[in-house]
C-alpha atoms as a PDB file:
ATOM      1  CA  TRP A   1     -94.892 -46.587  15.739  1.00  0.00           C
ATOM      2  CA  LYS A   2     -97.409 -46.247  12.958  1.00  0.00           C
ATOM      3  CA  LYS A   3     -98.205 -43.289  10.711  1.00  0.00           C
ATOM      4  CA  TYR A   4    -101.455 -41.415  11.173  1.00  0.00           C
ATOM      5  CA  GLN A   5    -103.619 -39.195   9.058  1.00  0.00           C
ATOM      6  CA  GLY A   6    -106.057 -37.065  10.951  1.00  0.00           C
ATOM      7  CA  ARG A   7    -106.901 -33.586  12.077  1.00  0.00           C
ATOM      8  CA  ALA A   8    -104.717 -31.105  13.928  1.00  0.00           C
ATOM      9  CA  SER A   9    -105.222 -27.786  15.629  1.00  0.00           C
ATOM     10  CA  TRP A  10    -102.895 -25.713  17.793  1.00  0.00           C
ATOM     11  CA  TYR A  11    -102.673 -24.618  21.389  1.00  0.00           C
ATOM     12  CA  GLY A  12    -100.876 -21.551  22.581  1.00  0.00           C
ATOM     13  CA  PRO A  13    -101.297 -18.587  24.931  1.00  0.00           C
ATOM     14  CA  GLY A  14    -103.383 -20.265  27.635  1.00  0.00           C
ATOM     15  CA  PHE A  15    -100.756 -22.998  28.083  1.00  0.00           C
ATOM     16  CA  HIS A  16     -97.596 -20.916  27.577  1.00  0.00           C
ATOM     17  CA  LEU A  17     -94.955 -21.671  30.255  1.00  0.00           C
ATOM     18  CA  LYS A  18     -97.112 -24.331  31.947  1.00  0.00           C
ATOM     19  CA  LYS A  19     -95.607 -27.747  32.622  1.00  0.00           C
ATOM     20  CA  MET A  20     -96.108 -30.389  29.917  1.00  0.00           C
ATOM     21  CA  ALA A  21     -96.274 -34.170  30.280  1.00  0.00           C
ATOM     22  CA  SER A  22     -92.530 -34.246  29.519  1.00  0.00           C
ATOM     23  CA  GLY A  23     -91.847 -32.154  32.623  1.00  0.00           C
ATOM     24  CA  GLU A  24     -90.615 -29.223  30.514  1.00  0.00           C
ATOM     25  CA  ARG A  25     -92.340 -25.846  30.395  1.00  0.00           C
ATOM     26  CA  TYR A  26     -94.416 -25.246  27.271  1.00  0.00           C
ATOM     27  CA  ASP A  27     -92.986 -22.572  24.995  1.00  0.00           C
ATOM     28  CA  GLN A  28     -95.677 -21.883  22.416  1.00  0.00           C
ATOM     29  CA  ASN A  29     -93.042 -20.678  19.928  1.00  0.00           C
ATOM     30  CA  GLU A  30     -91.124 -23.972  19.828  1.00  0.00           C
ATOM     31  CA  ILE A  31     -91.913 -26.753  17.367  1.00  0.00           C
ATOM     32  CA  LEU A  32     -93.740 -29.298  19.555  1.00  0.00           C
ATOM     33  CA  ILE A  33     -96.809 -31.513  19.463  1.00  0.00           C
ATOM     34  CA  ALA A  34     -99.169 -33.133  21.916  1.00  0.00           C
ATOM     35  CA  HIS A  35    -100.333 -36.669  21.112  1.00  0.00           C
ATOM     36  CA  ARG A  36    -102.333 -39.188  23.123  1.00  0.00           C
ATOM     37  CA  HIS A  37    -100.290 -42.304  22.376  1.00  0.00           C
ATOM     38  CA  TYR A  38     -96.879 -41.525  20.911  1.00  0.00           C
ATOM     39  CA  PRO A  39     -94.122 -41.642  23.544  1.00  0.00           C
ATOM     40  CA  ILE A  40     -92.735 -38.411  24.929  1.00  0.00           C
ATOM     41  CA  GLY A  41     -89.535 -37.543  23.046  1.00  0.00           C
ATOM     42  CA  LEU A  42     -90.526 -39.231  19.783  1.00  0.00           C
ATOM     43  CA  VAL A  43     -89.553 -37.153  16.751  1.00  0.00           C
ATOM     44  CA  VAL A  44     -92.173 -36.959  14.004  1.00  0.00           C
ATOM     45  CA  ARG A  45     -92.728 -35.277  10.664  1.00  0.00           C
ATOM     46  CA  VAL A  46     -96.087 -33.479  10.517  1.00  0.00           C
ATOM     47  CA  THR A  47     -97.357 -32.580   7.046  1.00  0.00           C
ATOM     48  CA  ASN A  48    -100.234 -30.185   6.411  1.00  0.00           C
ATOM     49  CA  LEU A  49    -102.201 -32.030   3.722  1.00  0.00           C
ATOM     50  CA  GLN A  50    -103.844 -28.812   2.509  1.00  0.00           C
ATOM     51  CA  ASN A  51    -100.610 -27.118   1.437  1.00  0.00           C
ATOM     52  CA  GLY A  52     -97.897 -29.811   1.575  1.00  0.00           C
ATOM     53  CA  LEU A  53     -95.750 -28.006   4.175  1.00  0.00           C
ATOM     54  CA  SER A  54     -93.947 -30.246   6.687  1.00  0.00           C
ATOM     55  CA  VAL A  55     -92.206 -29.697   9.984  1.00  0.00           C
ATOM     56  CA  ILE A  56     -90.074 -31.931  12.190  1.00  0.00           C
ATOM     57  CA  ALA A  57     -91.377 -31.833  15.767  1.00  0.00           C
ATOM     58  CA  ARG A  58     -91.018 -33.726  18.999  1.00  0.00           C
ATOM     59  CA  VAL A  59     -93.789 -35.118  21.181  1.00  0.00           C
ATOM     60  CA  GLU A  60     -93.636 -33.249  24.498  1.00  0.00           C
ATOM     61  CA  ASP A  61     -97.210 -33.317  25.783  1.00  0.00           C
ATOM     62  CA  ARG A  62    -100.433 -35.317  25.927  1.00  0.00           C
ATOM     63  CA  GLY A  63    -103.616 -34.403  24.117  1.00  0.00           C
ATOM     64  CA  PRO A  64    -105.654 -33.254  22.377  1.00  0.00           C
ATOM     65  CA  TYR A  65    -108.550 -33.524  24.774  1.00  0.00           C
ATOM     66  CA  ALA A  66    -111.341 -31.782  22.829  1.00  0.00           C
ATOM     67  CA  GLU A  67    -114.058 -34.392  22.367  1.00  0.00           C
ATOM     68  CA  THR A  68    -116.015 -32.543  19.713  1.00  0.00           C
ATOM     69  CA  ASP A  69    -113.858 -32.970  16.618  1.00  0.00           C
ATOM     70  CA  LEU A  70    -111.707 -36.120  16.820  1.00  0.00           C
ATOM     71  CA  ARG A  71    -108.364 -34.352  16.448  1.00  0.00           C
ATOM     72  CA  GLU A  72    -105.291 -36.564  16.273  1.00  0.00           C
ATOM     73  CA  VAL A  73    -102.716 -34.002  17.377  1.00  0.00           C
ATOM     74  CA  ASP A  74    -102.324 -30.570  18.950  1.00  0.00           C
ATOM     75  CA  LEU A  75     -99.555 -28.424  17.491  1.00  0.00           C
ATOM     76  CA  SER A  76     -97.636 -25.743  19.332  1.00  0.00           C
ATOM     77  CA  LEU A  77     -98.176 -22.272  17.921  1.00  0.00           C
ATOM     78  CA  GLY A  78     -94.655 -22.459  16.470  1.00  0.00           C
ATOM     79  CA  ALA A  79     -95.475 -25.692  14.628  1.00  0.00           C
ATOM     80  CA  ALA A  80     -98.797 -24.279  13.402  1.00  0.00           C
ATOM     81  CA  ARG A  81     -97.013 -21.185  12.085  1.00  0.00           C
ATOM     82  CA  ALA A  82     -94.473 -23.341  10.248  1.00  0.00           C
ATOM     83  CA  LEU A  83     -97.328 -25.314   8.672  1.00  0.00           C
ATOM     84  CA  LYS A  84     -99.229 -22.095   7.831  1.00  0.00           C
ATOM     85  CA  SER A  85    -102.304 -23.414   9.673  1.00  0.00           C
ATOM     86  CA  VAL A  86    -102.830 -20.807  12.424  1.00  0.00           C
ATOM     87  CA  GLY A  87    -105.713 -19.039  10.688  1.00  0.00           C
ATOM     88  CA  GLN A  88    -107.371 -22.264   9.580  1.00  0.00           C
ATOM     89  CA  GLY A  89    -108.052 -23.726  13.016  1.00  0.00           C
ATOM     90  CA  VAL A  90    -108.273 -27.451  12.270  1.00  0.00           C
ATOM     91  CA  VAL A  91    -106.358 -28.907   9.302  1.00  0.00           C
ATOM     92  CA  PRO A  92    -105.813 -32.399   7.874  1.00  0.00           C
ATOM     93  CA  VAL A  93    -102.328 -33.732   8.615  1.00  0.00           C
ATOM     94  CA  LYS A  94    -100.126 -36.769   8.140  1.00  0.00           C
ATOM     95  CA  ILE A  95     -97.912 -37.705  11.109  1.00  0.00           C
ATOM     96  CA  GLU A  96     -94.865 -39.913  10.482  1.00  0.00           C
ATOM     97  CA  PRO A  97     -92.639 -41.141  13.319  1.00  0.00           C
ATOM     98  CA  LEU A  98     -88.963 -40.649  12.461  1.00  0.00           C
ATOM     99  CA  ASN A  99     -87.363 -42.492  15.370  1.00  0.00           C
ATOM    100  CA  THR A 100     -88.231 -44.629  18.339  1.00  0.00           C
ATOM    101  CA  HIS A 101     -85.083 -44.288  20.432  1.00  0.00           C
ATOM    102  CA  LEU A 102     -84.553 -40.577  20.996  1.00  0.00           C
ATOM    103  CA  LYS A 103     -82.478 -40.054  24.128  1.00  0.00           C
ATOM    104  CA  LYS A 104     -81.667 -36.382  23.774  1.00  0.00           C
ATOM    105  CA  TRP A 105     -83.167 -33.647  21.632  1.00  0.00           C
ATOM    106  CA  VAL A 106     -80.780 -31.199  20.006  1.00  0.00           C
ATOM    107  CA  ARG A 107     -82.234 -27.670  20.056  1.00  0.00           C
ATOM    108  CA  GLY A 108     -82.504 -26.218  16.580  1.00  0.00           C
ATOM    109  CA  PHE A 109     -83.019 -29.548  14.826  1.00  0.00           C
ATOM    110  CA  GLU A 110     -86.772 -28.956  14.819  1.00  0.00           C
ATOM    111  CA  GLN A 111     -86.279 -26.361  12.073  1.00  0.00           C
ATOM    112  CA  LEU A 112     -85.130 -29.037   9.611  1.00  0.00           C
ATOM    113  CA  VAL A 113     -87.639 -30.653   7.273  1.00  0.00           C
END
């Protein structure tokens, strides 16, 4: 899977505890992303290009679906907090796939950078 640079925003309260494309319930406080093309379960590093902060996240949902601003990825509120991007709305990011064969996600690993 290829790397991307693009724009990211976050989604939170309106989707909290709703079912995601992965079949899991969305917890806005976890470190997750929604992406249109990456496979569900793929682990990626997302870097906020404005401040250099990175987070390891897993793809659990599809999106973004806003057609007005060409966003590449939607971050969970937890991921946006880790990247210090909550107050900024849309931020430039780099997304780097870290694996292509994830079978099982270990809770807590998403805190590692």
